[in-house]
PDB file of all heavy atoms in Angstrom:
ATOM      1  N   CYS A   1      -3.784  -7.195   2.938  1.00  0.00           N
ATOM      2  CA  CYS A   1      -4.056  -8.617   2.744  1.00  0.00           C
ATOM      3  C   CYS A   1      -5.187  -8.808   1.735  1.00  0.00           C
ATOM      4  O   CYS A   1      -5.135  -9.713   0.892  1.00  0.00           O
ATOM      5  CB  CYS A   1      -4.397  -9.284   4.070  1.00  0.00           C
ATOM      6  SG  CYS A   1      -4.643 -11.064   3.941  1.00  0.00           S
ATOM      7  N   SER A   2      -6.179  -7.962   1.795  1.00  0.00           N
ATOM      8  CA  SER A   2      -7.285  -8.027   0.853  1.00  0.00           C
ATOM      9  C   SER A   2      -6.784  -7.838  -0.575  1.00  0.00           C
ATOM     10  O   SER A   2      -7.212  -8.544  -1.492  1.00  0.00           O
ATOM     11  CB  SER A   2      -8.317  -6.956   1.201  1.00  0.00           C
ATOM     12  OG  SER A   2      -9.363  -6.939   0.279  1.00  0.00           O
ATOM     13  N   ASP A   3      -5.873  -6.894  -0.774  1.00  0.00           N
ATOM     14  CA  ASP A   3      -5.277  -6.690  -2.102  1.00  0.00           C
ATOM     15  C   ASP A   3      -4.534  -7.939  -2.554  1.00  0.00           C
ATOM     16  O   ASP A   3      -4.623  -8.348  -3.708  1.00  0.00           O
ATOM     17  CB  ASP A   3      -4.311  -5.501  -2.093  1.00  0.00           C
ATOM     18  CG  ASP A   3      -5.006  -4.152  -2.130  1.00  0.00           C
ATOM     19  OD1 ASP A   3      -6.249  -4.120  -2.289  1.00  0.00           O
ATOM     20  OD2 ASP A   3      -4.310  -3.124  -2.001  1.00  0.00           O
ATOM     21  N   ILE A   4      -3.790  -8.537  -1.636  1.00  0.00           N
ATOM     22  CA  ILE A   4      -3.015  -9.735  -1.952  1.00  0.00           C
ATOM     23  C   ILE A   4      -3.958 -10.868  -2.345  1.00  0.00           C
ATOM     24  O   ILE A   4      -3.784 -11.520  -3.374  1.00  0.00           O
ATOM     25  CB  ILE A   4      -2.121 -10.149  -0.766  1.00  0.00           C
ATOM     26  CG1 ILE A   4      -1.057  -9.085  -0.511  1.00  0.00           C
ATOM     27  CG2 ILE A   4      -1.488 -11.511  -1.000  1.00  0.00           C
ATOM     28  CD1 ILE A   4      -0.339  -9.218   0.829  1.00  0.00           C
ATOM     29  N   LYS A   5      -4.991 -11.097  -1.535  1.00  0.00           N
ATOM     30  CA  LYS A   5      -5.933 -12.188  -1.774  1.00  0.00           C
ATOM     31  C   LYS A   5      -6.733 -11.991  -3.060  1.00  0.00           C
ATOM     32  O   LYS A   5      -7.162 -12.955  -3.683  1.00  0.00           O
ATOM     33  CB  LYS A   5      -6.904 -12.341  -0.598  1.00  0.00           C
ATOM     34  CG  LYS A   5      -6.248 -12.778   0.687  1.00  0.00           C
ATOM     35  CD  LYS A   5      -5.964 -14.235   0.658  1.00  0.00           C
ATOM     36  CE  LYS A   5      -5.490 -14.695   2.034  1.00  0.00           C
ATOM     37  NZ  LYS A   5      -5.180 -16.096   2.048  1.00  0.00           N
ATOM     38  N   SER A   6      -6.948 -10.732  -3.452  1.00  0.00           N
ATOM     39  CA  SER A   6      -7.733 -10.473  -4.661  1.00  0.00           C
ATOM     40  C   SER A   6      -6.900 -10.635  -5.927  1.00  0.00           C
ATOM     41  O   SER A   6      -7.428 -10.524  -7.026  1.00  0.00           O
ATOM     42  CB  SER A   6      -8.359  -9.081  -4.609  1.00  0.00           C
ATOM     43  OG  SER A   6      -7.367  -8.083  -4.692  1.00  0.00           O
ATOM     44  N   GLY A   7      -5.599 -10.901  -5.768  1.00  0.00           N
ATOM     45  CA  GLY A   7      -4.758 -11.172  -6.928  1.00  0.00           C
ATOM     46  C   GLY A   7      -4.238  -9.941  -7.642  1.00  0.00           C
ATOM     47  O   GLY A   7      -3.857 -10.017  -8.803  1.00  0.00           O
ATOM     48  N   LYS A   8      -4.200  -8.812  -6.958  1.00  0.00           N
ATOM     49  CA  LYS A   8      -3.658  -7.612  -7.577  1.00  0.00           C
ATOM     50  C   LYS A   8      -2.160  -7.792  -7.806  1.00  0.00           C
ATOM     51  O   LYS A   8      -1.498  -8.527  -7.078  1.00  0.00           O
ATOM     52  CB  LYS A   8      -3.926  -6.385  -6.698  1.00  0.00           C
ATOM     53  CG  LYS A   8      -5.392  -6.047  -6.622  1.00  0.00           C
ATOM     54  CD  LYS A   8      -5.652  -4.807  -5.804  1.00  0.00           C
ATOM     55  CE  LYS A   8      -7.150  -4.535  -5.759  1.00  0.00           C
ATOM     56  NZ  LYS A   8      -7.469  -3.384  -4.933  1.00  0.00           N
ATOM     57  N   ASP A   9      -1.654  -7.095  -8.826  1.00  0.00           N
ATOM     58  CA  ASP A   9      -0.231  -7.224  -9.123  1.00  0.00           C
ATOM     59  C   ASP A   9       0.605  -6.542  -8.039  1.00  0.00           C
ATOM     60  O   ASP A   9       0.119  -5.682  -7.300  1.00  0.00           O
ATOM     61  CB  ASP A   9       0.091  -6.644 -10.504  1.00  0.00           C
ATOM     62  CG  ASP A   9      -0.181  -5.150 -10.582  1.00  0.00           C
ATOM     63  OD1 ASP A   9      -1.356  -4.770 -10.773  1.00  0.00           O
ATOM     64  OD2 ASP A   9       0.773  -4.367 -10.441  1.00  0.00           O
ATOM     65  N   ALA A  10       1.862  -6.943  -7.947  1.00  0.00           N
ATOM     66  CA  ALA A  10       2.754  -6.486  -6.875  1.00  0.00           C
ATOM     67  C   ALA A  10       2.905  -4.967  -6.855  1.00  0.00           C
ATOM     68  O   ALA A  10       2.940  -4.353  -5.787  1.00  0.00           O
ATOM     69  CB  ALA A  10       4.121  -7.158  -7.005  1.00  0.00           C
ATOM     70  N   ALA A  11       2.998  -4.342  -8.030  1.00  0.00           N
ATOM     71  CA  ALA A  11       3.158  -2.884  -8.085  1.00  0.00           C
ATOM     72  C   ALA A  11       1.939  -2.176  -7.505  1.00  0.00           C
ATOM     73  O   ALA A  11       2.073  -1.187  -6.768  1.00  0.00           O
ATOM     74  CB  ALA A  11       3.410  -2.435  -9.521  1.00  0.00           C
ATOM     75  N   THR A  12       0.751  -2.670  -7.813  1.00  0.00           N
ATOM     76  CA  THR A  12      -0.483  -2.073  -7.289  1.00  0.00           C
ATOM     77  C   THR A  12      -0.569  -2.268  -5.785  1.00  0.00           C
ATOM     78  O   THR A  12      -0.940  -1.345  -5.053  1.00  0.00           O
ATOM     79  CB  THR A  12      -1.714  -2.682  -7.980  1.00  0.00           C
ATOM     80  OG1 THR A  12      -1.615  -2.430  -9.386  1.00  0.00           O
ATOM     81  CG2 THR A  12      -3.005  -2.105  -7.438  1.00  0.00           C
ATOM     82  N   ILE A  13      -0.226  -3.454  -5.317  1.00  0.00           N
ATOM     83  CA  ILE A  13      -0.264  -3.728  -3.880  1.00  0.00           C
ATOM     84  C   ILE A  13       0.684  -2.787  -3.153  1.00  0.00           C
ATOM     85  O   ILE A  13       0.321  -2.189  -2.129  1.00  0.00           O
ATOM     86  CB  ILE A  13       0.090  -5.203  -3.591  1.00  0.00           C
ATOM     87  CG1 ILE A  13      -0.997  -6.119  -4.147  1.00  0.00           C
ATOM     88  CG2 ILE A  13       0.276  -5.431  -2.091  1.00  0.00           C
ATOM     89  CD1 ILE A  13      -0.632  -7.591  -4.142  1.00  0.00           C
ATOM     90  N   LYS A  14       1.882  -2.610  -3.681  1.00  0.00           N
ATOM     91  CA  LYS A  14       2.867  -1.730  -3.045  1.00  0.00           C
ATOM     92  C   LYS A  14       2.383  -0.279  -3.063  1.00  0.00           C
ATOM     93  O   LYS A  14       2.482   0.424  -2.060  1.00  0.00           O
ATOM     94  CB  LYS A  14       4.223  -1.866  -3.745  1.00  0.00           C
ATOM     95  CG  LYS A  14       5.335  -1.087  -3.062  1.00  0.00           C
ATOM     96  CD  LYS A  14       6.719  -1.455  -3.561  1.00  0.00           C
ATOM     97  CE  LYS A  14       6.920  -1.117  -4.997  1.00  0.00           C
ATOM     98  NZ  LYS A  14       8.305  -1.266  -5.447  1.00  0.00           N
ATOM     99  N   LYS A  15       1.820   0.162  -4.190  1.00  0.00           N
ATOM    100  CA  LYS A  15       1.319   1.535  -4.297  1.00  0.00           C
ATOM    101  C   LYS A  15       0.175   1.771  -3.314  1.00  0.00           C
ATOM    102  O   LYS A  15       0.134   2.780  -2.606  1.00  0.00           O
ATOM    103  CB  LYS A  15       0.856   1.812  -5.731  1.00  0.00           C
ATOM    104  CG  LYS A  15       0.340   3.226  -5.953  1.00  0.00           C
ATOM    105  CD  LYS A  15      -0.195   3.396  -7.343  1.00  0.00           C
ATOM    106  CE  LYS A  15      -1.548   2.813  -7.342  1.00  0.00           C
ATOM    107  NZ  LYS A  15      -2.573   3.120  -8.175  1.00  0.00           N
ATOM    108  N   ASN A  16      -0.762   0.821  -3.248  1.00  0.00           N
ATOM    109  CA  ASN A  16      -1.891   0.942  -2.317  1.00  0.00           C
ATOM    110  C   ASN A  16      -1.419   0.930  -0.862  1.00  0.00           C
ATOM    111  O   ASN A  16      -1.938   1.665  -0.019  1.00  0.00           O
ATOM    112  CB  ASN A  16      -2.902  -0.182  -2.535  1.00  0.00           C
ATOM    113  CG  ASN A  16      -3.649  -0.053  -3.843  1.00  0.00           C
ATOM    114  OD1 ASN A  16      -3.572   0.965  -4.525  1.00  0.00           O
ATOM    115  ND2 ASN A  16      -4.360  -1.097  -4.214  1.00  0.00           N
ATOM    116  N   THR A  17      -0.445   0.074  -0.576  1.00  0.00           N
ATOM    117  CA  THR A  17       0.100  -0.010   0.782  1.00  0.00           C
ATOM    118  C   THR A  17       0.723   1.320   1.185  1.00  0.00           C
ATOM    119  O   THR A  17       0.495   1.824   2.292  1.00  0.00           O
ATOM    120  CB  THR A  17       1.147  -1.139   0.870  1.00  0.00           C
ATOM    121  OG1 THR A  17       0.499  -2.371   0.566  1.00  0.00           O
ATOM    122  CG2 THR A  17       1.775  -1.211   2.247  1.00  0.00           C
ATOM    123  N   LYS A  18       1.494   1.882   0.289  1.00  0.00           N
ATOM    124  CA  LYS A  18       2.143   3.169   0.567  1.00  0.00           C
ATOM    125  C   LYS A  18       1.081   4.239   0.851  1.00  0.00           C
ATOM    126  O   LYS A  18       1.196   4.989   1.822  1.00  0.00           O
ATOM    127  CB  LYS A  18       3.004   3.562  -0.636  1.00  0.00           C
ATOM    128  CG  LYS A  18       3.933   4.707  -0.396  1.00  0.00           C
ATOM    129  CD  LYS A  18       4.851   4.894  -1.601  1.00  0.00           C
ATOM    130  CE  LYS A  18       5.816   6.025  -1.366  1.00  0.00           C
ATOM    131  NZ  LYS A  18       6.707   6.231  -2.495  1.00  0.00           N
ATOM    132  N   ALA A  19       0.035   4.269   0.043  1.00  0.00           N
ATOM    133  CA  ALA A  19      -1.032   5.259   0.234  1.00  0.00           C
ATOM    134  C   ALA A  19      -1.778   5.040   1.550  1.00  0.00           C
ATOM    135  O   ALA A  19      -2.145   5.999   2.230  1.00  0.00           O
ATOM    136  CB  ALA A  19      -2.012   5.202  -0.937  1.00  0.00           C
ATOM    137  N   ARG A  20      -1.981   3.783   1.927  1.00  0.00           N
ATOM    138  CA  ARG A  20      -2.711   3.488   3.167  1.00  0.00           C
ATOM    139  C   ARG A  20      -1.939   3.889   4.412  1.00  0.00           C
ATOM    140  O   ARG A  20      -2.511   4.348   5.386  1.00  0.00           O
ATOM    141  CB  ARG A  20      -3.010   1.989   3.241  1.00  0.00           C
ATOM    142  CG  ARG A  20      -4.133   1.553   2.383  1.00  0.00           C
ATOM    143  CD  ARG A  20      -4.428   0.076   2.578  1.00  0.00           C
ATOM    144  NE  ARG A  20      -5.515  -0.314   1.709  1.00  0.00           N
ATOM    145  CZ  ARG A  20      -5.388  -1.124   0.680  1.00  0.00           C
ATOM    146  NH1 ARG A  20      -4.225  -1.684   0.409  1.00  0.00           N
ATOM    147  NH2 ARG A  20      -6.429  -1.399  -0.074  1.00  0.00           N
ATOM    148  N   PHE A  21      -0.643   3.665   4.410  1.00  0.00           N
ATOM    149  CA  PHE A  21       0.145   3.863   5.615  1.00  0.00           C
ATOM    150  C   PHE A  21       0.782   5.251   5.723  1.00  0.00           C
ATOM    151  O   PHE A  21       1.264   5.614   6.787  1.00  0.00           O
ATOM    152  CB  PHE A  21       1.229   2.781   5.728  1.00  0.00           C
ATOM    153  CG  PHE A  21       0.711   1.463   6.234  1.00  0.00           C
ATOM    154  CD1 PHE A  21       0.214   0.512   5.362  1.00  0.00           C
ATOM    155  CD2 PHE A  21       0.690   1.180   7.590  1.00  0.00           C
ATOM    156  CE1 PHE A  21      -0.271  -0.706   5.821  1.00  0.00           C
ATOM    157  CE2 PHE A  21       0.207  -0.035   8.063  1.00  0.00           C
ATOM    158  CZ  PHE A  21      -0.269  -0.977   7.176  1.00  0.00           C
ATOM    159  N   GLU A  22       0.800   6.022   4.640  1.00  0.00           N
ATOM    160  CA  GLU A  22       1.368   7.369   4.711  1.00  0.00           C
ATOM    161  C   GLU A  22       0.387   8.328   5.365  1.00  0.00           C
ATOM    162  O   GLU A  22      -0.819   8.145   5.297  1.00  0.00           O
ATOM    163  CB  GLU A  22       1.706   7.885   3.311  1.00  0.00           C
ATOM    164  CG  GLU A  22       2.960   7.310   2.747  1.00  0.00           C
ATOM    165  CD  GLU A  22       3.329   7.915   1.397  1.00  0.00           C
ATOM    166  OE1 GLU A  22       2.449   8.403   0.671  1.00  0.00           O
ATOM    167  OE2 GLU A  22       4.529   7.884   1.076  1.00  0.00           O
ATOM    168  N   GLY A  23       0.937   9.372   5.974  1.00  0.00           N
ATOM    169  CA  GLY A  23       0.118  10.407   6.586  1.00  0.00           C
ATOM    170  C   GLY A  23       0.201  10.328   8.095  1.00  0.00           C
ATOM    171  O   GLY A  23       0.672   9.353   8.662  1.00  0.00           O
ATOM    172  N   GLY A  24      -0.234  11.378   8.745  1.00  0.00           N
ATOM    173  CA  GLY A  24      -0.209  11.399  10.214  1.00  0.00           C
ATOM    174  C   GLY A  24       1.196  11.327  10.753  1.00  0.00           C
ATOM    175  O   GLY A  24       2.025  12.186  10.483  1.00  0.00           O
ATOM    176  N   THR A  25       1.478  10.272  11.496  1.00  0.00           N
ATOM    177  CA  THR A  25       2.791  10.136  12.120  1.00  0.00           C
ATOM    178  C   THR A  25       3.861   9.691  11.127  1.00  0.00           C
ATOM    179  O   THR A  25       5.039   9.721  11.452  1.00  0.00           O
ATOM    180  CB  THR A  25       2.742   9.117  13.281  1.00  0.00           C
ATOM    181  OG1 THR A  25       2.266   7.871  12.774  1.00  0.00           O
ATOM    182  CG2 THR A  25       1.846   9.619  14.401  1.00  0.00           C
ATOM    183  N   VAL A  26       3.444   9.267   9.929  1.00  0.00           N
ATOM    184  CA  VAL A  26       4.388   8.860   8.885  1.00  0.00           C
ATOM    185  C   VAL A  26       4.053   9.655   7.622  1.00  0.00           C
ATOM    186  O   VAL A  26       3.260   9.207   6.790  1.00  0.00           O
ATOM    187  CB  VAL A  26       4.295   7.339   8.603  1.00  0.00           C
ATOM    188  CG1 VAL A  26       5.329   6.928   7.575  1.00  0.00           C
ATOM    189  CG2 VAL A  26       4.463   6.539   9.877  1.00  0.00           C
ATOM    190  N   PRO A  27       4.660  10.832   7.470  1.00  0.00           N
ATOM    191  CA  PRO A  27       4.306  11.678   6.333  1.00  0.00           C
ATOM    192  C   PRO A  27       4.600  11.039   4.970  1.00  0.00           C
ATOM    193  O   PRO A  27       3.876  11.272   4.014  1.00  0.00           O
ATOM    194  CB  PRO A  27       5.143  12.934   6.516  1.00  0.00           C
ATOM    195  CG  PRO A  27       5.750  12.851   7.858  1.00  0.00           C
ATOM    196  CD  PRO A  27       5.629  11.455   8.338  1.00  0.00           C
ATOM    197  N   SER A  28       5.657  10.243   4.896  1.00  0.00           N
ATOM    198  CA  SER A  28       5.969   9.594   3.621  1.00  0.00           C
ATOM    199  C   SER A  28       6.727   8.294   3.868  1.00  0.00           C
ATOM    200  O   SER A  28       7.394   8.125   4.886  1.00  0.00           O
ATOM    201  CB  SER A  28       6.794  10.520   2.727  1.00  0.00           C
ATOM    202  OG  SER A  28       8.046  10.777   3.316  1.00  0.00           O
ATOM    203  N   LEU A  29       6.569   7.388   2.915  1.00  0.00           N
ATOM    204  CA  LEU A  29       7.262   6.105   2.958  1.00  0.00           C
ATOM    205  C   LEU A  29       8.025   5.918   1.654  1.00  0.00           C
ATOM    206  O   LEU A  29       7.588   6.392   0.606  1.00  0.00           O
ATOM    207  CB  LEU A  29       6.259   4.953   3.094  1.00  0.00           C
ATOM    208  CG  LEU A  29       5.537   4.795   4.415  1.00  0.00           C
ATOM    209  CD1 LEU A  29       4.408   3.786   4.283  1.00  0.00           C
ATOM    210  CD2 LEU A  29       6.510   4.340   5.495  1.00  0.00           C
ATOM    211  N   THR A  30       9.123   5.198   1.730  1.00  0.00           N
ATOM    212  CA  THR A  30       9.848   4.844   0.514  1.00  0.00           C
ATOM    213  C   THR A  30       9.190   3.614  -0.097  1.00  0.00           C
ATOM    214  O   THR A  30       8.402   2.914   0.559  1.00  0.00           O
ATOM    215  CB  THR A  30      11.321   4.542   0.825  1.00  0.00           C
ATOM    216  OG1 THR A  30      11.386   3.358   1.629  1.00  0.00           O
ATOM    217  CG2 THR A  30      12.008   5.707   1.533  1.00  0.00           C
TER     218      THR A  30
END
């Protein structure tokens, strides 16, 4: 949400989201 509110572009938001949620119980995301 912070990325969204700061006005980052959609590709960056998606890339950051993928990096934040991957790992542990979710080794990789599409």
